[in-house]
Protein backbone atom coordinates (compact mmCIF):
# COMPACT_ATOMS: atom_id res chain seq x y z
CA UNK A 1 24.11 93.93 149.70
CA UNK A 2 24.84 91.19 146.33
CA UNK A 3 24.02 93.12 144.06
CA UNK A 4 25.70 94.08 140.57
CA UNK A 5 26.28 97.00 137.86
CA UNK A 6 24.87 96.85 135.51
CA UNK A 7 25.48 98.28 132.58
CA UNK A 8 22.50 99.80 130.48
CA UNK A 9 23.44 101.70 127.59
CA UNK A 10 27.33 101.90 126.27
CA UNK A 11 26.55 103.69 123.99
CA UNK A 12 25.31 107.01 125.60
CA UNK A 13 27.12 110.56 127.20
CA UNK A 14 27.98 109.49 129.73
CA UNK A 15 27.52 105.81 129.73
CA UNK A 16 23.78 104.29 131.50
CA UNK A 17 24.06 102.18 134.84
CA UNK A 18 21.67 99.67 137.27
CA UNK A 19 22.64 98.78 140.14
CA UNK A 20 20.46 95.21 140.25
CA UNK A 21 20.62 91.67 140.54
CA UNK A 22 22.28 90.36 137.40
CA UNK A 23 20.38 87.45 137.21
CA UNK A 24 17.34 88.65 137.48
CA UNK A 25 18.47 90.78 134.51
CA UNK A 26 18.92 88.31 132.43
CA UNK A 27 15.28 87.05 133.18
CA UNK A 28 13.29 89.77 132.57
CA UNK A 29 15.76 90.46 129.72
CA UNK A 30 14.67 86.91 128.52
CA UNK A 31 11.10 87.77 128.94
CA UNK A 32 11.06 90.62 126.80
CA UNK A 33 12.73 89.23 124.02
CA UNK A 34 10.02 86.00 123.98
CA UNK A 35 6.99 88.45 124.47
CA UNK A 36 8.51 90.30 121.04
CA UNK A 37 9.26 87.33 119.24
CA UNK A 38 5.99 86.04 120.03
CA UNK A 39 4.43 89.65 118.64
CA UNK A 40 5.84 88.55 115.11
CA UNK A 41 3.83 87.43 113.02
CA UNK A 42 5.44 84.56 109.91
CA UNK A 43 3.95 85.54 106.14
CA UNK A 44 3.37 81.58 105.30
CA UNK A 45 3.49 81.09 101.27
CA UNK A 46 1.05 78.79 99.38
CA UNK A 47 1.57 77.15 96.27
CA UNK A 48 -0.89 76.76 93.28
CA UNK A 49 0.05 75.10 90.46
CA UNK A 50 -1.46 75.76 86.67
CA UNK A 51 -0.71 74.02 83.14
CA UNK A 52 -1.32 76.81 80.10
CA UNK A 53 -4.38 74.17 78.93
CA UNK A 54 -6.04 73.14 82.49
CA UNK A 55 -9.14 72.66 82.09
CA UNK A 56 -11.99 74.90 83.65
CA UNK A 57 -12.91 71.93 85.89
CA UNK A 58 -9.61 72.27 87.26
CA UNK A 59 -9.25 75.87 87.36
CA UNK A 60 -11.94 75.61 89.82
CA UNK A 61 -10.76 73.51 92.16
CA UNK A 62 -7.76 75.21 92.39
CA UNK A 63 -9.61 78.51 92.36
CA UNK A 64 -11.75 77.28 95.87
CA UNK A 65 -8.29 76.49 97.29
CA UNK A 66 -6.39 79.30 96.67
CA UNK A 67 -9.42 81.08 98.26
CA UNK A 68 -9.00 79.22 101.83
CA UNK A 69 -5.42 80.36 101.66
CA UNK A 70 -6.23 83.74 101.07
CA UNK A 71 -9.11 83.67 103.84
CA UNK A 72 -6.78 82.24 105.74
CA UNK A 73 -4.33 85.18 105.39
CA UNK A 74 -1.05 83.33 103.44
CA UNK A 75 0.09 84.73 101.05
CA UNK A 76 0.36 82.85 97.60
CA UNK A 77 2.40 82.22 94.59
CA UNK A 78 0.14 81.32 92.03
CA UNK A 79 2.59 79.76 88.54
CA UNK A 80 2.02 77.93 85.12
CA UNK A 81 4.76 75.44 84.63
CA UNK A 82 5.64 75.17 80.91
CA UNK A 83 6.98 71.54 80.36
CA UNK A 84 9.21 71.15 77.04
CA UNK A 85 7.37 73.09 74.01
CA UNK A 86 4.33 74.17 75.86
CA UNK A 87 6.43 77.38 76.69
CA UNK A 88 4.74 78.50 73.33
CA UNK A 89 2.01 79.15 74.60
CA UNK A 90 2.96 81.58 77.09
CA UNK A 91 0.52 83.65 75.95
CA UNK A 92 -2.61 81.34 77.29
CA UNK A 93 -0.34 80.33 81.07
CA UNK A 94 -0.58 84.72 81.98
CA UNK A 95 -4.28 84.74 80.48
CA UNK A 96 -4.57 82.01 82.92
CA UNK A 97 -3.39 83.87 85.72
CA UNK A 98 -5.48 87.13 84.98
CA UNK A 99 -7.77 85.22 85.63
CA UNK A 100 -6.87 83.66 88.53
CA UNK A 101 -6.76 87.46 89.81
CA UNK A 102 -9.05 89.46 88.40
CA UNK A 103 -11.46 86.24 90.38
CA UNK A 104 -9.46 86.38 93.58
CA UNK A 105 -9.23 90.61 93.98
CA UNK A 106 -12.26 90.39 96.28
CA UNK A 107 -9.78 88.88 98.89
CA UNK A 108 -7.04 89.13 97.38
CA UNK A 109 -4.64 91.32 96.17
CA UNK A 110 -1.81 90.69 92.91
CA UNK A 111 1.74 91.37 94.16
CA UNK A 112 3.74 91.14 91.36
CA UNK A 113 2.35 90.40 87.84
CA UNK A 114 2.97 87.27 85.72
CA UNK A 115 6.28 86.97 85.64
CA UNK A 116 8.23 84.29 83.16
CA UNK A 117 11.01 83.23 85.31
CA UNK A 118 12.62 80.19 82.97
CA UNK A 119 9.97 77.98 82.46
CA UNK A 120 7.56 79.63 84.75
CA UNK A 121 5.48 81.99 85.00
CA UNK A 122 4.94 83.35 88.39
CA UNK A 123 2.29 85.59 90.48
CA UNK A 124 2.05 87.07 93.53
CA UNK A 125 -1.05 87.51 95.40
CA UNK A 126 -1.94 88.84 99.41
CA UNK A 127 -4.59 88.56 101.39
CA UNK A 128 -6.44 91.59 101.59
CA UNK A 129 -7.04 92.83 105.22
């Protein structure tokens, strides 16, 4: 008949087999995997960089970009980069990030509070569904 015996579930007791056309079986399996792959969502992370003494105008400009990223459905990684001796202004950097979180609380929720990692203070914001 031109059909093949294909083992469907080898771990079952007894193992499950089917008599089908093997090429057609492989084609349908690839098709199923392709549909499952298309349904998965890819997480995009956008970054916004601040300095510890970021001016009000620059802050508003970057906040506007942050809103756009969150509305598009991307996660936001906001960080304050401390250069040289500016590390002594850790509190200013934290205040800046918390201010951003407060301004964006309508469209995003804080996933990770500001945390100092080396010369960067990082905070993650995820979009609200």
